Amino acid sequence: MQTQIIKVDKSQGIRIPKSLLDRIGISEAVAIEVQGDRIVIRAAAKPRAGWEEAFAKMAEQHDDILLDDITPTEWEENEWQW
């Protein structure tokens, strides 16, 4: 497929057919990078993707404990009331 570069305000852009975006699952944000003489566009990674699975695995391996001892502050020791 071939397309033309178009003017978009003070930048330039291309139109990507919706059918192509649907084929590769791009619907929102994209990541763009240059690889040699190519511009690569892919779906942007979603923040916190995979965290739920990672936390579940940590819990299974009992690797979800605090690394530091809990050290109460002076305020917690002297002023906090239940």
N, C-alpha and C. Protein backbone atom coordinates (compact mmCIF):
# COMPACT_ATOMS: atom_id res chain seq x y z
N MET A 1 0.85 -1.17 0.00
CA MET A 1 0.00 0.00 0.00
C MET A 1 0.90 1.24 0.00
N GLN A 2 0.51 2.22 -0.72
CA GLN A 2 1.27 3.46 -0.80
C GLN A 2 0.33 4.61 -0.44
N THR A 3 0.86 5.63 0.22
CA THR A 3 0.06 6.79 0.60
C THR A 3 0.91 8.04 0.48
N GLN A 4 0.30 9.18 0.62
CA GLN A 4 0.99 10.45 0.49
C GLN A 4 1.21 11.08 1.86
N ILE A 5 2.28 11.83 2.00
CA ILE A 5 2.50 12.61 3.21
C ILE A 5 1.67 13.88 3.09
N ILE A 6 0.93 14.21 4.15
CA ILE A 6 0.05 15.37 4.12
C ILE A 6 0.50 16.39 5.16
N LYS A 7 0.12 17.64 4.96
CA LYS A 7 0.44 18.70 5.91
C LYS A 7 -0.62 18.68 7.02
N VAL A 8 -0.15 18.71 8.25
CA VAL A 8 -1.03 18.74 9.42
C VAL A 8 -0.52 19.88 10.29
N ASP A 9 -1.17 21.05 10.21
CA ASP A 9 -0.71 22.26 10.89
C ASP A 9 0.74 22.53 10.49
N LYS A 10 1.65 22.56 11.47
CA LYS A 10 3.05 22.82 11.18
C LYS A 10 3.87 21.52 11.09
N SER A 11 3.17 20.40 11.06
CA SER A 11 3.83 19.09 10.96
C SER A 11 3.41 18.41 9.67
N GLN A 12 3.80 17.17 9.53
CA GLN A 12 3.37 16.35 8.41
C GLN A 12 2.88 15.02 8.96
N GLY A 13 2.03 14.36 8.20
CA GLY A 13 1.50 13.10 8.67
C GLY A 13 1.09 12.21 7.52
N ILE A 14 0.59 11.04 7.87
CA ILE A 14 0.03 10.12 6.88
C ILE A 14 -1.31 9.63 7.41
N ARG A 15 -2.16 9.23 6.50
CA ARG A 15 -3.44 8.64 6.88
C ARG A 15 -3.27 7.13 6.84
N ILE A 16 -3.64 6.47 7.91
CA ILE A 16 -3.56 5.01 7.97
C ILE A 16 -4.98 4.47 7.93
N PRO A 17 -5.30 3.63 6.97
CA PRO A 17 -6.66 3.09 6.89
C PRO A 17 -7.06 2.35 8.16
N LYS A 18 -8.30 2.53 8.57
CA LYS A 18 -8.81 1.90 9.78
C LYS A 18 -8.67 0.38 9.71
N SER A 19 -8.84 -0.17 8.52
CA SER A 19 -8.73 -1.63 8.38
C SER A 19 -7.34 -2.13 8.79
N LEU A 20 -6.29 -1.36 8.48
CA LEU A 20 -4.94 -1.75 8.89
C LEU A 20 -4.78 -1.66 10.40
N LEU A 21 -5.28 -0.58 10.98
CA LEU A 21 -5.19 -0.43 12.43
C LEU A 21 -5.95 -1.53 13.15
N ASP A 22 -7.12 -1.88 12.63
CA ASP A 22 -7.91 -2.96 13.23
C ASP A 22 -7.17 -4.30 13.15
N ARG A 23 -6.48 -4.55 12.05
CA ARG A 23 -5.76 -5.82 11.88
C ARG A 23 -4.69 -6.02 12.93
N ILE A 24 -4.05 -4.93 13.37
CA ILE A 24 -2.98 -5.09 14.35
C ILE A 24 -3.38 -4.62 15.74
N GLY A 25 -4.64 -4.23 15.92
CA GLY A 25 -5.16 -3.92 17.25
C GLY A 25 -4.79 -2.56 17.79
N ILE A 26 -4.54 -1.59 16.92
CA ILE A 26 -4.25 -0.24 17.40
C ILE A 26 -5.55 0.56 17.41
N SER A 27 -5.89 1.09 18.60
CA SER A 27 -7.11 1.88 18.68
C SER A 27 -6.90 3.19 19.43
N GLU A 28 -5.79 3.33 20.12
CA GLU A 28 -5.57 4.54 20.90
C GLU A 28 -4.16 5.06 20.69
N ALA A 29 -3.37 5.06 21.72
CA ALA A 29 -2.01 5.61 21.67
C ALA A 29 -1.07 4.68 20.91
N VAL A 30 -0.08 5.29 20.27
CA VAL A 30 0.92 4.51 19.54
C VAL A 30 2.31 4.90 19.99
N ALA A 31 3.26 4.00 19.79
CA ALA A 31 4.68 4.28 19.99
C ALA A 31 5.31 4.33 18.60
N ILE A 32 6.14 5.33 18.37
CA ILE A 32 6.79 5.50 17.07
C ILE A 32 8.29 5.48 17.30
N GLU A 33 9.01 4.73 16.48
CA GLU A 33 10.46 4.71 16.58
C GLU A 33 11.08 4.55 15.19
N VAL A 34 12.31 4.95 15.08
CA VAL A 34 13.06 4.82 13.83
C VAL A 34 13.98 3.62 13.96
N GLN A 35 13.91 2.74 12.98
CA GLN A 35 14.80 1.57 12.91
C GLN A 35 15.48 1.61 11.55
N GLY A 36 16.71 2.09 11.54
CA GLY A 36 17.43 2.23 10.28
C GLY A 36 16.74 3.25 9.39
N ASP A 37 16.26 2.81 8.23
CA ASP A 37 15.57 3.72 7.32
C ASP A 37 14.06 3.54 7.37
N ARG A 38 13.55 2.99 8.48
CA ARG A 38 12.12 2.72 8.62
C ARG A 38 11.54 3.45 9.83
N ILE A 39 10.27 3.80 9.72
CA ILE A 39 9.51 4.31 10.86
C ILE A 39 8.58 3.19 11.29
N VAL A 40 8.68 2.78 12.53
CA VAL A 40 7.87 1.68 13.05
C VAL A 40 6.82 2.26 13.99
N ILE A 41 5.56 1.93 13.72
CA ILE A 41 4.44 2.38 14.55
C ILE A 41 3.80 1.15 15.16
N ARG A 42 3.65 1.15 16.48
CA ARG A 42 3.01 0.01 17.15
C ARG A 42 2.12 0.53 18.28
N ALA A 43 1.24 -0.32 18.74
CA ALA A 43 0.39 0.06 19.86
C ALA A 43 1.27 0.38 21.06
N ALA A 44 0.98 1.46 21.74
CA ALA A 44 1.75 1.84 22.92
C ALA A 44 1.47 0.86 24.05
N ALA A 45 2.50 0.57 24.81
CA ALA A 45 2.34 -0.29 25.97
C ALA A 45 1.42 0.40 26.97
N LYS A 46 0.54 -0.36 27.57
CA LYS A 46 -0.37 0.22 28.55
C LYS A 46 0.31 0.25 29.91
N PRO A 47 0.18 1.37 30.61
CA PRO A 47 0.80 1.44 31.94
C PRO A 47 0.27 0.33 32.84
N ARG A 48 1.17 -0.28 33.55
CA ARG A 48 0.84 -1.34 34.51
C ARG A 48 0.34 -2.62 33.85
N ALA A 49 0.56 -2.78 32.55
CA ALA A 49 0.17 -4.02 31.89
C ALA A 49 0.94 -5.18 32.51
N GLY A 50 0.25 -6.23 32.87
CA GLY A 50 0.89 -7.41 33.43
C GLY A 50 1.11 -7.36 34.93
N TRP A 51 0.78 -6.24 35.56
CA TRP A 51 1.02 -6.13 37.00
C TRP A 51 0.19 -7.15 37.78
N GLU A 52 -1.05 -7.37 37.41
CA GLU A 52 -1.91 -8.28 38.17
C GLU A 52 -1.31 -9.68 38.19
N GLU A 53 -0.85 -10.15 37.03
CA GLU A 53 -0.24 -11.48 36.94
C GLU A 53 1.06 -11.53 37.75
N ALA A 54 1.85 -10.46 37.66
CA ALA A 54 3.12 -10.42 38.40
C ALA A 54 2.88 -10.47 39.90
N PHE A 55 1.88 -9.73 40.38
CA PHE A 55 1.58 -9.73 41.82
C PHE A 55 1.08 -11.09 42.26
N ALA A 56 0.26 -11.73 41.44
CA ALA A 56 -0.24 -13.06 41.78
C ALA A 56 0.91 -14.06 41.88
N LYS A 57 1.85 -13.98 40.95
CA LYS A 57 3.02 -14.87 40.98
C LYS A 57 3.87 -14.61 42.22
N MET A 58 4.05 -13.32 42.56
CA MET A 58 4.81 -12.98 43.77
C MET A 58 4.15 -13.58 45.01
N ALA A 59 2.81 -13.50 45.08
CA ALA A 59 2.10 -14.04 46.23
C ALA A 59 2.27 -15.56 46.32
N GLU A 60 2.20 -16.23 45.16
CA GLU A 60 2.39 -17.69 45.14
C GLU A 60 3.76 -18.08 45.67
N GLN A 61 4.77 -17.27 45.35
CA GLN A 61 6.14 -17.57 45.75
C GLN A 61 6.49 -16.96 47.10
N HIS A 62 5.51 -16.37 47.78
CA HIS A 62 5.71 -15.69 49.06
C HIS A 62 6.82 -14.64 48.96
N ASP A 63 6.81 -13.95 47.84
CA ASP A 63 7.80 -12.91 47.58
C ASP A 63 7.15 -11.53 47.64
N ASP A 64 6.07 -11.42 48.39
CA ASP A 64 5.35 -10.16 48.47
C ASP A 64 5.39 -9.57 49.88
N ILE A 65 6.56 -9.65 50.49
CA ILE A 65 6.72 -9.10 51.84
C ILE A 65 7.48 -7.78 51.76
N LEU A 66 7.35 -6.98 52.79
CA LEU A 66 8.09 -5.72 52.85
C LEU A 66 9.58 -6.00 53.03
N LEU A 67 10.41 -5.22 52.38
CA LEU A 67 11.85 -5.42 52.48
C LEU A 67 12.42 -4.77 53.73
N ASP A 68 11.77 -3.73 54.21
CA ASP A 68 12.24 -3.02 55.41
C ASP A 68 11.27 -3.27 56.55
N ASP A 69 11.81 -3.23 57.77
CA ASP A 69 10.94 -3.30 58.94
C ASP A 69 10.10 -2.04 59.00
N ILE A 70 8.92 -2.19 59.55
CA ILE A 70 8.06 -1.02 59.73
C ILE A 70 8.58 -0.24 60.92
N THR A 71 8.95 1.00 60.69
CA THR A 71 9.46 1.87 61.75
C THR A 71 8.46 2.98 61.98
N PRO A 72 7.76 2.92 63.12
CA PRO A 72 6.77 3.97 63.37
C PRO A 72 7.44 5.34 63.57
N THR A 73 6.74 6.35 63.16
CA THR A 73 7.24 7.71 63.36
C THR A 73 6.92 8.17 64.77
N GLU A 74 7.53 9.27 65.17
CA GLU A 74 7.26 9.84 66.51
C GLU A 74 5.79 10.20 66.63
N TRP A 75 5.23 10.73 65.56
CA TRP A 75 3.80 11.09 65.59
C TRP A 75 2.94 9.85 65.81
N GLU A 76 3.28 8.76 65.14
CA GLU A 76 2.50 7.53 65.29
C GLU A 76 2.60 6.98 66.71
N GLU A 77 3.78 7.09 67.30
CA GLU A 77 3.97 6.55 68.65
C GLU A 77 3.29 7.41 69.72
N ASN A 78 3.31 8.74 69.53
CA ASN A 78 2.86 9.63 70.59
C ASN A 78 1.47 10.24 70.38
N GLU A 79 1.06 10.44 69.14
CA GLU A 79 -0.16 11.18 68.92
C GLU A 79 -1.30 10.40 68.26
N TRP A 80 -0.98 9.34 67.59
CA TRP A 80 -2.02 8.59 66.90
C TRP A 80 -2.94 7.91 67.90
N GLN A 81 -4.25 8.02 67.65
CA GLN A 81 -5.22 7.36 68.52
C GLN A 81 -6.20 6.56 67.67
N TRP A 82 -6.51 5.38 68.15
CA TRP A 82 -7.50 4.54 67.46
C TRP A 82 -8.88 4.94 67.86
